[in-house]
N, C-alpha and C. Protein backbone atom coordinates (compact mmCIF):
# COMPACT_ATOMS: atom_id res chain seq x y z
N ILE A 1 11.08 -12.77 -3.87
CA ILE A 1 9.83 -12.17 -3.39
C ILE A 1 8.80 -13.24 -3.08
N PHE A 2 8.79 -14.34 -3.82
CA PHE A 2 7.78 -15.36 -3.60
C PHE A 2 7.97 -16.10 -2.28
N SER A 3 9.16 -16.07 -1.72
CA SER A 3 9.36 -16.72 -0.43
C SER A 3 8.71 -15.91 0.70
N ALA A 4 8.46 -14.62 0.49
CA ALA A 4 7.83 -13.78 1.51
C ALA A 4 6.31 -13.82 1.44
N ILE A 5 5.77 -14.33 0.34
CA ILE A 5 4.31 -14.38 0.17
C ILE A 5 3.81 -15.73 0.69
N PRO A 6 2.84 -15.72 1.59
CA PRO A 6 2.34 -16.99 2.13
C PRO A 6 1.51 -17.76 1.10
N ARG A 7 1.32 -19.02 1.37
CA ARG A 7 0.53 -19.86 0.46
C ARG A 7 -0.97 -19.71 0.69
N LYS A 8 -1.37 -19.24 1.88
CA LYS A 8 -2.78 -19.05 2.19
C LYS A 8 -3.04 -17.57 2.39
N PHE A 9 -4.20 -17.11 1.87
CA PHE A 9 -4.57 -15.71 1.98
C PHE A 9 -5.87 -15.59 2.76
N LEU A 10 -6.19 -14.36 3.17
CA LEU A 10 -7.44 -14.12 3.89
C LEU A 10 -8.61 -14.39 2.95
N PRO A 11 -9.60 -15.16 3.39
CA PRO A 11 -10.67 -15.59 2.48
C PRO A 11 -11.70 -14.51 2.16
N HIS A 12 -11.85 -13.48 2.95
CA HIS A 12 -12.94 -12.53 2.77
C HIS A 12 -12.57 -11.33 1.91
N LEU A 13 -11.39 -11.32 1.31
CA LEU A 13 -10.95 -10.21 0.48
C LEU A 13 -10.72 -10.66 -0.96
N LYS A 14 -10.98 -9.77 -1.92
CA LYS A 14 -10.73 -10.12 -3.32
C LYS A 14 -9.25 -10.17 -3.63
N ASN A 15 -8.51 -9.24 -3.08
CA ASN A 15 -7.06 -9.24 -3.30
C ASN A 15 -6.42 -10.34 -2.47
N PRO A 16 -5.29 -10.86 -2.91
CA PRO A 16 -4.56 -11.79 -2.05
C PRO A 16 -3.89 -11.01 -0.90
N CYS A 17 -4.43 -11.16 0.30
CA CYS A 17 -3.93 -10.43 1.48
C CYS A 17 -3.63 -11.40 2.61
N TRP A 18 -2.75 -10.99 3.50
CA TRP A 18 -2.40 -11.78 4.67
C TRP A 18 -1.91 -10.84 5.76
N TYR A 19 -1.88 -11.33 6.99
CA TYR A 19 -1.31 -10.58 8.10
C TYR A 19 0.12 -11.05 8.33
N GLU A 20 1.02 -10.08 8.46
CA GLU A 20 2.43 -10.36 8.67
C GLU A 20 2.83 -9.73 10.00
N GLU A 21 3.53 -10.48 10.81
CA GLU A 21 3.96 -9.92 12.10
C GLU A 21 4.94 -8.77 11.86
N PHE A 22 4.72 -7.68 12.60
CA PHE A 22 5.57 -6.50 12.46
C PHE A 22 6.58 -6.50 13.60
N PHE A 23 7.86 -6.60 13.25
CA PHE A 23 8.92 -6.66 14.24
C PHE A 23 9.61 -5.32 14.43
N GLY A 24 9.28 -4.34 13.61
CA GLY A 24 9.96 -3.05 13.65
C GLY A 24 9.55 -2.19 14.83
N ASN A 25 10.20 -1.08 14.94
CA ASN A 25 9.93 -0.10 15.98
C ASN A 25 8.81 0.81 15.49
N VAL A 26 7.73 0.90 16.21
CA VAL A 26 6.57 1.70 15.79
C VAL A 26 6.92 3.18 15.75
N THR A 27 7.83 3.62 16.59
CA THR A 27 8.17 5.05 16.63
C THR A 27 9.18 5.42 15.55
N ALA A 28 9.82 4.44 14.91
CA ALA A 28 10.78 4.73 13.83
C ALA A 28 10.04 5.07 12.55
N ASP A 29 10.72 5.70 11.62
CA ASP A 29 10.12 6.08 10.34
C ASP A 29 10.09 4.86 9.41
N PRO A 30 8.91 4.30 9.11
CA PRO A 30 8.84 3.13 8.25
C PRO A 30 9.18 3.43 6.79
N TYR A 31 9.18 4.70 6.41
CA TYR A 31 9.44 5.09 5.03
C TYR A 31 10.75 5.85 4.90
N GLY A 32 11.61 5.78 5.88
CA GLY A 32 12.85 6.54 5.90
C GLY A 32 13.80 6.22 4.76
N LYS A 33 13.77 4.99 4.27
CA LYS A 33 14.68 4.59 3.20
C LYS A 33 14.05 4.72 1.82
N ASN A 34 12.83 5.18 1.75
CA ASN A 34 12.14 5.31 0.46
C ASN A 34 12.52 6.64 -0.18
N LEU A 35 13.22 6.58 -1.29
CA LEU A 35 13.72 7.79 -1.94
C LEU A 35 12.61 8.60 -2.62
N TYR A 36 11.46 8.00 -2.88
CA TYR A 36 10.36 8.76 -3.47
C TYR A 36 9.84 9.83 -2.51
N ALA A 37 10.08 9.64 -1.23
CA ALA A 37 9.65 10.64 -0.24
C ALA A 37 10.39 11.95 -0.43
N LEU A 38 11.53 11.92 -1.11
CA LEU A 38 12.32 13.13 -1.36
C LEU A 38 12.06 13.71 -2.75
N TYR A 39 11.20 13.07 -3.53
CA TYR A 39 11.03 13.40 -4.94
C TYR A 39 10.38 14.76 -5.18
N SER A 40 9.30 15.02 -4.51
CA SER A 40 8.59 16.29 -4.72
C SER A 40 7.82 16.64 -3.45
N LYS A 41 7.30 17.87 -3.41
CA LYS A 41 6.52 18.29 -2.24
C LYS A 41 5.24 17.45 -2.11
N ARG A 42 4.66 17.06 -3.24
CA ARG A 42 3.45 16.23 -3.20
C ARG A 42 3.76 14.87 -2.57
N PHE A 43 4.85 14.24 -3.00
CA PHE A 43 5.24 12.96 -2.41
C PHE A 43 5.60 13.13 -0.94
N GLN A 44 6.26 14.22 -0.59
CA GLN A 44 6.59 14.46 0.82
C GLN A 44 5.33 14.56 1.66
N ALA A 45 4.30 15.22 1.14
CA ALA A 45 3.03 15.33 1.87
C ALA A 45 2.37 13.97 2.03
N ILE A 46 2.42 13.15 0.98
CA ILE A 46 1.83 11.81 1.04
C ILE A 46 2.55 10.96 2.08
N TYR A 47 3.88 10.99 2.07
CA TYR A 47 4.64 10.19 3.03
C TYR A 47 4.50 10.72 4.45
N ASP A 48 4.35 12.01 4.61
CA ASP A 48 4.08 12.54 5.95
C ASP A 48 2.76 12.00 6.49
N HIS A 49 1.75 11.95 5.63
CA HIS A 49 0.46 11.37 6.03
C HIS A 49 0.61 9.88 6.37
N LEU A 50 1.33 9.14 5.54
CA LEU A 50 1.53 7.72 5.79
C LEU A 50 2.28 7.47 7.10
N ARG A 51 3.27 8.29 7.39
CA ARG A 51 4.02 8.15 8.65
C ARG A 51 3.11 8.31 9.86
N ARG A 52 2.25 9.33 9.81
CA ARG A 52 1.35 9.57 10.94
C ARG A 52 0.31 8.46 11.08
N ALA A 53 -0.14 7.90 9.96
CA ALA A 53 -1.21 6.90 9.99
C ALA A 53 -0.69 5.48 10.25
N PHE A 54 0.60 5.25 10.10
CA PHE A 54 1.14 3.89 10.18
C PHE A 54 0.81 3.16 11.49
N PRO A 55 1.05 3.76 12.66
CA PRO A 55 0.76 3.02 13.90
C PRO A 55 -0.71 2.62 14.05
N ALA A 56 -1.62 3.43 13.52
CA ALA A 56 -3.04 3.12 13.65
C ALA A 56 -3.45 1.92 12.78
N HIS A 57 -2.65 1.59 11.78
CA HIS A 57 -2.97 0.48 10.90
C HIS A 57 -2.41 -0.86 11.37
N LEU A 58 -1.67 -0.86 12.45
CA LEU A 58 -1.17 -2.11 12.99
C LEU A 58 -2.27 -2.78 13.81
N HIS A 59 -2.36 -4.09 13.69
CA HIS A 59 -3.36 -4.87 14.43
C HIS A 59 -2.69 -5.59 15.59
N GLN A 60 -3.32 -5.57 16.73
CA GLN A 60 -2.81 -6.22 17.93
C GLN A 60 -3.51 -7.57 18.10
N HIS A 61 -2.73 -8.62 18.33
CA HIS A 61 -3.31 -9.93 18.59
C HIS A 61 -2.32 -10.73 19.44
N ALA A 62 -2.78 -11.19 20.59
CA ALA A 62 -1.97 -12.00 21.50
C ALA A 62 -0.66 -11.32 21.86
N GLY A 63 -0.70 -10.01 22.09
CA GLY A 63 0.49 -9.28 22.48
C GLY A 63 1.48 -9.00 21.37
N ARG A 64 1.11 -9.29 20.14
CA ARG A 64 1.99 -9.05 19.00
C ARG A 64 1.33 -8.07 18.04
N GLN A 65 2.15 -7.43 17.23
CA GLN A 65 1.64 -6.48 16.24
C GLN A 65 1.73 -7.09 14.85
N TYR A 66 0.66 -6.89 14.08
CA TYR A 66 0.61 -7.42 12.72
C TYR A 66 0.21 -6.30 11.77
N ARG A 67 0.70 -6.39 10.55
CA ARG A 67 0.27 -5.44 9.52
C ARG A 67 -0.33 -6.21 8.37
N LEU A 68 -1.34 -5.62 7.77
CA LEU A 68 -2.01 -6.23 6.64
C LEU A 68 -1.17 -6.01 5.40
N ARG A 69 -0.86 -7.08 4.69
CA ARG A 69 -0.08 -7.02 3.46
C ARG A 69 -0.96 -7.54 2.33
N CYS A 70 -0.96 -6.86 1.20
CA CYS A 70 -1.79 -7.26 0.07
C CYS A 70 -1.02 -7.14 -1.24
N LEU A 71 -1.32 -8.05 -2.14
CA LEU A 71 -0.84 -7.94 -3.51
C LEU A 71 -1.93 -7.27 -4.32
N PRO A 72 -1.58 -6.51 -5.34
CA PRO A 72 -2.62 -5.87 -6.15
C PRO A 72 -3.44 -6.90 -6.93
N PHE A 73 -4.71 -6.62 -7.09
CA PHE A 73 -5.58 -7.47 -7.87
C PHE A 73 -5.27 -7.30 -9.35
N PHE A 74 -4.93 -6.07 -9.74
CA PHE A 74 -4.46 -5.81 -11.10
C PHE A 74 -3.71 -4.48 -11.14
N TYR A 75 -2.93 -4.30 -12.17
CA TYR A 75 -2.21 -3.05 -12.42
C TYR A 75 -2.75 -2.42 -13.68
N ILE A 76 -2.71 -1.11 -13.74
CA ILE A 76 -2.94 -0.39 -14.99
C ILE A 76 -1.56 0.02 -15.48
N ILE A 77 -1.16 -0.49 -16.62
CA ILE A 77 0.15 -0.14 -17.15
C ILE A 77 -0.02 0.50 -18.52
N GLY A 78 0.92 1.33 -18.89
CA GLY A 78 0.86 1.95 -20.20
C GLY A 78 1.93 3.02 -20.35
N GLN A 79 2.02 3.53 -21.53
CA GLN A 79 2.96 4.58 -21.88
C GLN A 79 2.29 5.94 -21.71
N PRO A 80 3.06 7.01 -21.68
CA PRO A 80 2.46 8.35 -21.64
C PRO A 80 1.55 8.58 -22.84
N LYS A 81 0.47 9.28 -22.60
CA LYS A 81 -0.51 9.65 -23.64
C LYS A 81 -1.26 8.45 -24.23
N CYS A 82 -1.46 7.39 -23.43
CA CYS A 82 -2.19 6.23 -23.96
C CYS A 82 -3.53 6.02 -23.26
N GLY A 83 -3.94 6.94 -22.38
CA GLY A 83 -5.26 6.86 -21.77
C GLY A 83 -5.30 6.24 -20.39
N THR A 84 -4.16 5.96 -19.76
CA THR A 84 -4.20 5.33 -18.45
C THR A 84 -4.75 6.26 -17.37
N THR A 85 -4.51 7.56 -17.49
CA THR A 85 -5.05 8.50 -16.50
C THR A 85 -6.57 8.55 -16.59
N ASP A 86 -7.11 8.53 -17.78
CA ASP A 86 -8.56 8.52 -17.95
C ASP A 86 -9.15 7.23 -17.37
N LEU A 87 -8.53 6.10 -17.66
CA LEU A 87 -9.01 4.83 -17.11
C LEU A 87 -8.92 4.84 -15.58
N TYR A 88 -7.83 5.36 -15.04
CA TYR A 88 -7.64 5.48 -13.59
C TYR A 88 -8.76 6.33 -12.98
N ASP A 89 -9.03 7.49 -13.58
CA ASP A 89 -10.07 8.38 -13.05
C ASP A 89 -11.46 7.75 -13.10
N ARG A 90 -11.74 7.01 -14.15
CA ARG A 90 -13.04 6.34 -14.27
C ARG A 90 -13.19 5.20 -13.26
N LEU A 91 -12.12 4.45 -13.05
CA LEU A 91 -12.18 3.36 -12.08
C LEU A 91 -12.33 3.88 -10.65
N ARG A 92 -11.78 5.05 -10.37
CA ARG A 92 -11.90 5.64 -9.02
C ARG A 92 -13.36 5.91 -8.65
N LEU A 93 -14.23 6.03 -9.62
CA LEU A 93 -15.64 6.29 -9.36
C LEU A 93 -16.38 5.06 -8.85
N HIS A 94 -15.81 3.87 -9.05
CA HIS A 94 -16.49 2.64 -8.64
C HIS A 94 -16.31 2.44 -7.13
N PRO A 95 -17.39 2.12 -6.41
CA PRO A 95 -17.29 2.00 -4.94
C PRO A 95 -16.48 0.81 -4.45
N GLU A 96 -16.30 -0.23 -5.26
CA GLU A 96 -15.56 -1.41 -4.82
C GLU A 96 -14.10 -1.42 -5.26
N VAL A 97 -13.64 -0.35 -5.89
CA VAL A 97 -12.26 -0.27 -6.35
C VAL A 97 -11.50 0.66 -5.43
N HIS A 98 -10.40 0.17 -4.87
CA HIS A 98 -9.55 0.96 -3.97
C HIS A 98 -8.17 1.08 -4.58
N PHE A 99 -7.51 2.17 -4.29
CA PHE A 99 -6.23 2.47 -4.91
C PHE A 99 -5.15 2.68 -3.88
N THR A 100 -3.91 2.66 -4.36
CA THR A 100 -2.78 3.00 -3.50
C THR A 100 -2.84 4.51 -3.22
N THR A 101 -2.03 4.96 -2.30
CA THR A 101 -2.01 6.37 -1.97
C THR A 101 -1.54 7.22 -3.15
N MET A 102 -0.57 6.70 -3.89
CA MET A 102 -0.05 7.41 -5.05
C MET A 102 -0.54 6.75 -6.33
N LYS A 103 -0.82 7.56 -7.34
CA LYS A 103 -1.29 7.02 -8.62
C LYS A 103 -0.22 6.16 -9.27
N GLU A 104 1.02 6.56 -9.18
CA GLU A 104 2.11 5.82 -9.80
C GLU A 104 3.09 5.37 -8.73
N PRO A 105 2.86 4.18 -8.13
CA PRO A 105 3.72 3.73 -7.04
C PRO A 105 5.09 3.23 -7.48
N HIS A 106 5.33 3.13 -8.77
CA HIS A 106 6.61 2.68 -9.33
C HIS A 106 6.97 1.30 -8.81
């Protein structure tokens, strides 16, 4: 995994982020191999939204397409019944904290 992460990141973001050239087909399903999309109706709805929004998130530069890739600034980890949902809900109230689409991205 570390060979795919660049040594330099975008300077204006708190998270380590970079632009990666996208070589895939924009009309193909970028989440087709993700088995979580089959897990539940809630996950299916999330992945349907992500599929529709994917082309709009690609950046065009010099005739090429790039996608923004980021590593998380931190993870909330814990066992069931240890308060992680409460911490997650409280952090969501902060205007500078952004989350993944799913609470538990596995």
